[in-house]
């Protein structure tokens, strides 16, 4: 089955190790018949979530950055690949900020066992 794969790159060097791994992964996925799109967080700045909850009240996110334009790509992806160098034994701050912003696209699950936004 053909999948729509979104690769989110959090490394800072355009020809660094992370970029090389992304290229190899993308070639393999495309050869297997999947659609692949890569997004660089160096070229598309994404700031972290402020926790203001504007999104919970139907208002747009107060952050003015590239994330809002990436939401359709995130929602249409069957698989999201996070590619990051390891900085201080964890993923880059760019990847962390990107993941935090998923808060604004989370949807309430009325049957959630924990009673919060889960979907």
N, C-alpha and C. Protein backbone atom coordinates (compact mmCIF):
# COMPACT_ATOMS: atom_id res chain seq x y z
N UNK A 1 0.83 -1.16 0.00
CA UNK A 1 0.00 0.00 0.00
C UNK A 1 0.90 1.25 0.00
N UNK A 2 0.60 2.17 -0.87
CA UNK A 2 1.38 3.39 -1.02
C UNK A 2 1.11 4.34 0.16
N UNK A 3 2.16 4.84 0.77
CA UNK A 3 2.04 5.74 1.92
C UNK A 3 2.56 7.13 1.57
N UNK A 4 2.00 8.11 2.24
CA UNK A 4 2.44 9.49 2.14
C UNK A 4 3.34 9.75 3.35
N UNK A 5 4.65 9.93 3.11
CA UNK A 5 5.63 10.06 4.19
C UNK A 5 6.15 11.49 4.24
N UNK A 6 6.10 12.09 5.41
CA UNK A 6 6.65 13.42 5.64
C UNK A 6 7.89 13.27 6.50
N UNK A 7 9.02 13.78 6.00
CA UNK A 7 10.27 13.76 6.75
C UNK A 7 10.51 15.17 7.28
N UNK A 8 10.67 15.29 8.58
CA UNK A 8 10.93 16.58 9.22
C UNK A 8 12.38 16.56 9.70
N UNK A 9 13.19 17.43 9.10
CA UNK A 9 14.62 17.45 9.40
C UNK A 9 14.94 18.55 10.40
N UNK A 10 15.56 18.18 11.51
CA UNK A 10 15.88 19.13 12.55
C UNK A 10 17.36 19.46 12.65
N UNK A 11 18.15 19.00 11.69
CA UNK A 11 19.58 19.29 11.71
C UNK A 11 19.89 20.63 11.07
N UNK A 12 21.03 21.18 11.45
CA UNK A 12 21.40 22.49 10.96
C UNK A 12 22.34 22.50 9.75
N UNK A 13 22.95 21.38 9.45
CA UNK A 13 23.89 21.35 8.33
C UNK A 13 23.24 20.72 7.10
N UNK A 14 23.14 21.47 6.00
CA UNK A 14 22.42 20.97 4.82
C UNK A 14 23.04 19.73 4.18
N UNK A 15 24.30 19.46 4.41
CA UNK A 15 24.94 18.26 3.87
C UNK A 15 25.54 17.39 4.98
N UNK A 16 25.04 17.56 6.18
CA UNK A 16 25.54 16.82 7.33
C UNK A 16 25.06 15.39 7.37
N UNK A 17 25.40 14.70 8.45
CA UNK A 17 25.05 13.29 8.59
C UNK A 17 23.54 13.07 8.56
N UNK A 18 22.78 13.93 9.24
CA UNK A 18 21.33 13.77 9.26
C UNK A 18 20.74 13.93 7.86
N UNK A 19 21.23 14.91 7.12
CA UNK A 19 20.75 15.13 5.75
C UNK A 19 21.09 13.93 4.86
N UNK A 20 22.24 13.35 5.06
CA UNK A 20 22.62 12.17 4.27
C UNK A 20 21.73 10.98 4.59
N UNK A 21 21.41 10.79 5.87
CA UNK A 21 20.50 9.70 6.25
C UNK A 21 19.10 9.93 5.69
N UNK A 22 18.64 11.18 5.70
CA UNK A 22 17.33 11.51 5.14
C UNK A 22 17.30 11.18 3.66
N UNK A 23 18.35 11.56 2.94
CA UNK A 23 18.41 11.27 1.50
C UNK A 23 18.35 9.77 1.23
N UNK A 24 19.09 8.99 2.00
CA UNK A 24 19.09 7.53 1.81
C UNK A 24 17.71 6.95 2.13
N UNK A 25 17.10 7.39 3.22
CA UNK A 25 15.77 6.91 3.58
C UNK A 25 14.76 7.26 2.49
N UNK A 26 14.80 8.52 2.03
CA UNK A 26 13.84 8.97 1.01
C UNK A 26 14.00 8.17 -0.28
N UNK A 27 15.23 7.92 -0.69
CA UNK A 27 15.45 7.11 -1.91
C UNK A 27 14.86 5.72 -1.75
N UNK A 28 15.08 5.10 -0.59
CA UNK A 28 14.55 3.76 -0.34
C UNK A 28 13.03 3.74 -0.30
N UNK A 29 12.44 4.73 0.35
CA UNK A 29 10.98 4.79 0.44
C UNK A 29 10.36 5.03 -0.93
N UNK A 30 10.96 5.93 -1.71
CA UNK A 30 10.44 6.19 -3.06
C UNK A 30 10.59 4.96 -3.95
N UNK A 31 11.71 4.25 -3.81
CA UNK A 31 11.92 3.03 -4.59
C UNK A 31 10.88 1.97 -4.24
N UNK A 32 10.38 2.01 -3.01
CA UNK A 32 9.35 1.06 -2.56
C UNK A 32 7.96 1.53 -2.97
N UNK A 33 7.87 2.69 -3.65
CA UNK A 33 6.59 3.14 -4.16
C UNK A 33 5.87 4.18 -3.32
N UNK A 34 6.51 4.67 -2.29
CA UNK A 34 5.86 5.65 -1.42
C UNK A 34 6.14 7.08 -1.89
N UNK A 35 5.24 7.99 -1.52
CA UNK A 35 5.45 9.41 -1.79
C UNK A 35 6.17 10.00 -0.58
N UNK A 36 7.23 10.76 -0.85
CA UNK A 36 8.05 11.31 0.23
C UNK A 36 8.22 12.81 0.04
N UNK A 37 8.04 13.55 1.14
CA UNK A 37 8.32 14.98 1.13
C UNK A 37 9.16 15.29 2.36
N UNK A 38 10.22 16.08 2.16
CA UNK A 38 11.09 16.49 3.26
C UNK A 38 10.89 17.95 3.56
N UNK A 39 10.89 18.28 4.85
CA UNK A 39 10.77 19.67 5.30
C UNK A 39 11.93 19.95 6.24
N UNK A 40 12.67 21.00 5.96
CA UNK A 40 13.78 21.41 6.81
C UNK A 40 13.30 22.45 7.80
N UNK A 41 13.58 22.22 9.09
CA UNK A 41 13.20 23.19 10.10
C UNK A 41 14.20 24.34 10.20
N UNK A 42 15.28 24.26 9.44
CA UNK A 42 16.19 25.40 9.30
C UNK A 42 15.56 26.40 8.34
N UNK A 43 14.99 25.90 7.28
CA UNK A 43 14.34 26.76 6.28
C UNK A 43 12.93 27.16 6.69
N UNK A 44 12.31 26.39 7.56
CA UNK A 44 10.94 26.64 8.04
C UNK A 44 10.98 26.74 9.56
N UNK A 45 11.18 27.93 10.08
CA UNK A 45 11.31 28.09 11.52
C UNK A 45 9.99 27.78 12.23
N UNK A 46 10.08 26.96 13.27
CA UNK A 46 8.92 26.62 14.09
C UNK A 46 9.29 26.91 15.54
N UNK A 47 8.52 27.77 16.16
CA UNK A 47 8.74 28.12 17.57
C UNK A 47 7.95 27.16 18.45
N UNK A 48 8.37 27.03 19.69
CA UNK A 48 7.69 26.14 20.63
C UNK A 48 6.33 26.66 21.04
N UNK A 49 5.52 25.76 21.59
CA UNK A 49 4.19 26.10 22.08
C UNK A 49 4.32 26.99 23.32
N UNK A 50 3.47 28.00 23.40
CA UNK A 50 3.46 28.90 24.56
C UNK A 50 2.47 28.45 25.63
N UNK A 51 1.62 27.49 25.30
CA UNK A 51 0.62 27.00 26.26
C UNK A 51 -0.46 28.02 26.55
N UNK A 52 -0.73 28.90 25.62
CA UNK A 52 -1.72 29.95 25.84
C UNK A 52 -3.16 29.44 25.70
N UNK A 53 -3.33 28.29 25.06
CA UNK A 53 -4.63 27.64 24.85
C UNK A 53 -5.57 28.38 23.90
N UNK A 54 -5.06 29.32 23.13
CA UNK A 54 -5.90 29.99 22.13
C UNK A 54 -6.52 28.96 21.20
N UNK A 55 -5.74 27.95 20.83
CA UNK A 55 -6.23 26.91 19.91
C UNK A 55 -7.38 26.10 20.52
N UNK A 56 -7.45 26.02 21.82
CA UNK A 56 -8.52 25.27 22.49
C UNK A 56 -9.85 26.03 22.46
N UNK A 57 -9.79 27.31 22.12
CA UNK A 57 -10.99 28.13 22.07
C UNK A 57 -11.31 28.58 20.65
N UNK A 58 -10.83 27.79 19.67
CA UNK A 58 -11.15 28.05 18.28
C UNK A 58 -10.40 29.19 17.63
N UNK A 59 -9.39 29.71 18.31
CA UNK A 59 -8.60 30.81 17.76
C UNK A 59 -7.35 30.24 17.10
N UNK A 60 -6.79 30.95 16.13
CA UNK A 60 -5.54 30.47 15.52
C UNK A 60 -4.38 30.56 16.51
N UNK A 61 -3.37 29.79 16.27
CA UNK A 61 -2.17 29.81 17.10
C UNK A 61 -1.57 31.22 17.07
N UNK A 62 -1.15 31.69 18.23
CA UNK A 62 -0.57 33.03 18.32
C UNK A 62 0.85 33.09 17.77
N UNK A 63 1.50 31.95 17.64
CA UNK A 63 2.84 31.92 17.07
C UNK A 63 2.75 32.21 15.58
N UNK A 64 3.58 33.11 15.11
CA UNK A 64 3.63 33.46 13.68
C UNK A 64 4.91 32.89 13.11
N UNK A 65 4.80 31.66 12.62
CA UNK A 65 5.96 30.98 12.07
C UNK A 65 5.50 30.01 10.98
N UNK A 66 6.36 29.10 10.61
CA UNK A 66 6.06 28.19 9.49
C UNK A 66 5.12 27.05 9.86
N UNK A 67 4.88 26.79 11.13
CA UNK A 67 4.09 25.62 11.49
C UNK A 67 2.70 25.65 10.89
N UNK A 68 2.06 26.81 10.92
CA UNK A 68 0.69 26.88 10.39
C UNK A 68 0.62 26.45 8.93
N UNK A 69 1.65 26.73 8.14
CA UNK A 69 1.66 26.30 6.74
C UNK A 69 2.01 24.82 6.61
N UNK A 70 2.56 24.22 7.67
CA UNK A 70 2.92 22.79 7.62
C UNK A 70 1.79 21.89 8.12
N UNK A 71 0.78 22.46 8.75
CA UNK A 71 -0.31 21.65 9.31
C UNK A 71 -0.95 20.73 8.26
N UNK A 72 -1.27 21.22 7.05
CA UNK A 72 -1.87 20.30 6.07
C UNK A 72 -0.96 19.12 5.72
N UNK A 73 0.34 19.35 5.68
CA UNK A 73 1.28 18.27 5.40
C UNK A 73 1.29 17.24 6.52
N UNK A 74 1.25 17.73 7.76
CA UNK A 74 1.22 16.84 8.92
C UNK A 74 -0.05 16.00 8.92
N UNK A 75 -1.18 16.64 8.70
CA UNK A 75 -2.46 15.94 8.75
C UNK A 75 -2.63 14.93 7.61
N UNK A 76 -2.02 15.20 6.46
CA UNK A 76 -2.19 14.28 5.33
C UNK A 76 -1.15 13.16 5.32
N UNK A 77 -0.17 13.23 6.20
CA UNK A 77 0.88 12.21 6.22
C UNK A 77 0.38 10.92 6.86
N UNK A 78 0.74 9.81 6.25
CA UNK A 78 0.48 8.50 6.85
C UNK A 78 1.57 8.16 7.87
N UNK A 79 2.74 8.77 7.66
CA UNK A 79 3.89 8.50 8.51
C UNK A 79 4.74 9.77 8.58
N UNK A 80 5.17 10.14 9.77
CA UNK A 80 6.07 11.27 9.93
C UNK A 80 7.39 10.74 10.46
N UNK A 81 8.45 11.08 9.77
CA UNK A 81 9.80 10.67 10.17
C UNK A 81 10.51 11.89 10.74
N UNK A 82 10.97 11.79 11.97
CA UNK A 82 11.73 12.87 12.59
C UNK A 82 13.21 12.55 12.45
N UNK A 83 13.93 13.42 11.76
CA UNK A 83 15.36 13.22 11.54
C UNK A 83 16.12 14.32 12.26
N UNK A 84 16.97 13.91 13.19
CA UNK A 84 17.66 14.90 14.01
C UNK A 84 19.05 14.40 14.39
N UNK A 85 19.99 15.33 14.45
CA UNK A 85 21.25 14.97 15.10
C UNK A 85 21.00 14.85 16.60
N UNK A 86 21.89 14.22 17.31
CA UNK A 86 21.76 14.14 18.76
C UNK A 86 22.57 15.27 19.38
N UNK A 87 21.86 16.17 20.04
CA UNK A 87 22.50 17.25 20.77
C UNK A 87 22.28 16.99 22.25
N UNK A 88 23.37 16.83 22.98
CA UNK A 88 23.28 16.58 24.42
C UNK A 88 22.38 15.38 24.69
N UNK A 89 22.56 14.32 23.94
CA UNK A 89 21.90 13.02 24.07
C UNK A 89 20.41 13.03 23.77
N UNK A 90 19.93 13.98 23.02
CA UNK A 90 18.52 14.00 22.66
C UNK A 90 18.35 14.68 21.30
N UNK A 91 17.13 14.74 20.80
CA UNK A 91 16.87 15.37 19.50
C UNK A 91 17.04 16.88 19.61
N UNK A 92 17.17 17.53 18.48
CA UNK A 92 17.42 18.96 18.45
C UNK A 92 16.22 19.76 18.98
N UNK A 93 16.49 20.98 19.40
CA UNK A 93 15.43 21.87 19.87
C UNK A 93 14.42 22.16 18.77
N UNK A 94 14.87 22.16 17.51
CA UNK A 94 13.95 22.39 16.40
C UNK A 94 12.89 21.29 16.34
N UNK A 95 13.31 20.04 16.50
CA UNK A 95 12.36 18.92 16.49
C UNK A 95 11.43 19.00 17.71
N UNK A 96 11.99 19.32 18.87
CA UNK A 96 11.16 19.43 20.08
C UNK A 96 10.08 20.49 19.91
N UNK A 97 10.45 21.65 19.37
CA UNK A 97 9.47 22.72 19.16
C UNK A 97 8.39 22.28 18.19
N UNK A 98 8.79 21.58 17.12
CA UNK A 98 7.83 21.09 16.13
C UNK A 98 6.83 20.13 16.79
N UNK A 99 7.31 19.21 17.59
CA UNK A 99 6.44 18.24 18.25
C UNK A 99 5.50 18.94 19.24
N UNK A 100 6.02 19.93 19.98
CA UNK A 100 5.17 20.66 20.93
C UNK A 100 3.96 21.28 20.24
N UNK A 101 4.15 21.73 19.02
CA UNK A 101 3.08 22.43 18.32
C UNK A 101 1.96 21.50 17.86
N UNK A 102 2.14 20.20 17.98
CA UNK A 102 1.05 19.27 17.68
C UNK A 102 -0.13 19.52 18.61
N UNK A 103 0.12 20.18 19.73
CA UNK A 103 -0.95 20.50 20.68
C UNK A 103 -2.09 21.25 20.00
N UNK A 104 -1.74 22.14 19.07
CA UNK A 104 -2.79 22.95 18.43
C UNK A 104 -3.58 22.19 17.37
N UNK A 105 -3.13 21.01 16.99
CA UNK A 105 -3.89 20.24 16.00
C UNK A 105 -4.52 19.00 16.61
N UNK A 106 -4.30 18.80 17.91
CA UNK A 106 -4.93 17.67 18.58
C UNK A 106 -6.44 17.87 18.61
N UNK A 107 -7.17 16.79 18.51
CA UNK A 107 -8.63 16.85 18.51
C UNK A 107 -9.16 16.11 19.71
N UNK A 108 -10.22 16.61 20.26
CA UNK A 108 -10.82 15.97 21.42
C UNK A 108 -11.38 14.62 21.05
N UNK A 109 -11.09 13.64 21.85
CA UNK A 109 -11.64 12.31 21.69
C UNK A 109 -12.72 12.15 22.77
N UNK A 110 -14.00 12.17 22.39
CA UNK A 110 -15.06 12.12 23.40
C UNK A 110 -15.08 10.82 24.19
N UNK A 111 -14.45 9.77 23.67
CA UNK A 111 -14.44 8.50 24.38
C UNK A 111 -13.08 8.19 25.00
N UNK A 112 -12.28 9.21 25.19
CA UNK A 112 -10.95 9.01 25.74
C UNK A 112 -11.02 8.50 27.18
N UNK A 113 -10.25 7.47 27.50
CA UNK A 113 -10.28 6.96 28.88
C UNK A 113 -9.67 7.95 29.87
N UNK A 114 -8.87 8.90 29.37
CA UNK A 114 -8.23 9.85 30.28
C UNK A 114 -8.92 11.22 30.25
N UNK A 115 -9.93 11.37 29.41
CA UNK A 115 -10.71 12.59 29.40
C UNK A 115 -10.00 13.83 28.92
N UNK A 116 -9.08 13.68 27.96
CA UNK A 116 -8.40 14.86 27.45
C UNK A 116 -8.17 14.70 25.95
N UNK A 117 -7.59 15.68 25.34
CA UNK A 117 -7.34 15.65 23.89
C UNK A 117 -6.34 14.54 23.57
N UNK A 118 -6.77 13.57 22.84
CA UNK A 118 -5.95 12.39 22.60
C UNK A 118 -5.74 12.08 21.13
N UNK A 119 -6.61 12.57 20.25
CA UNK A 119 -6.57 12.14 18.88
C UNK A 119 -5.69 13.06 18.06
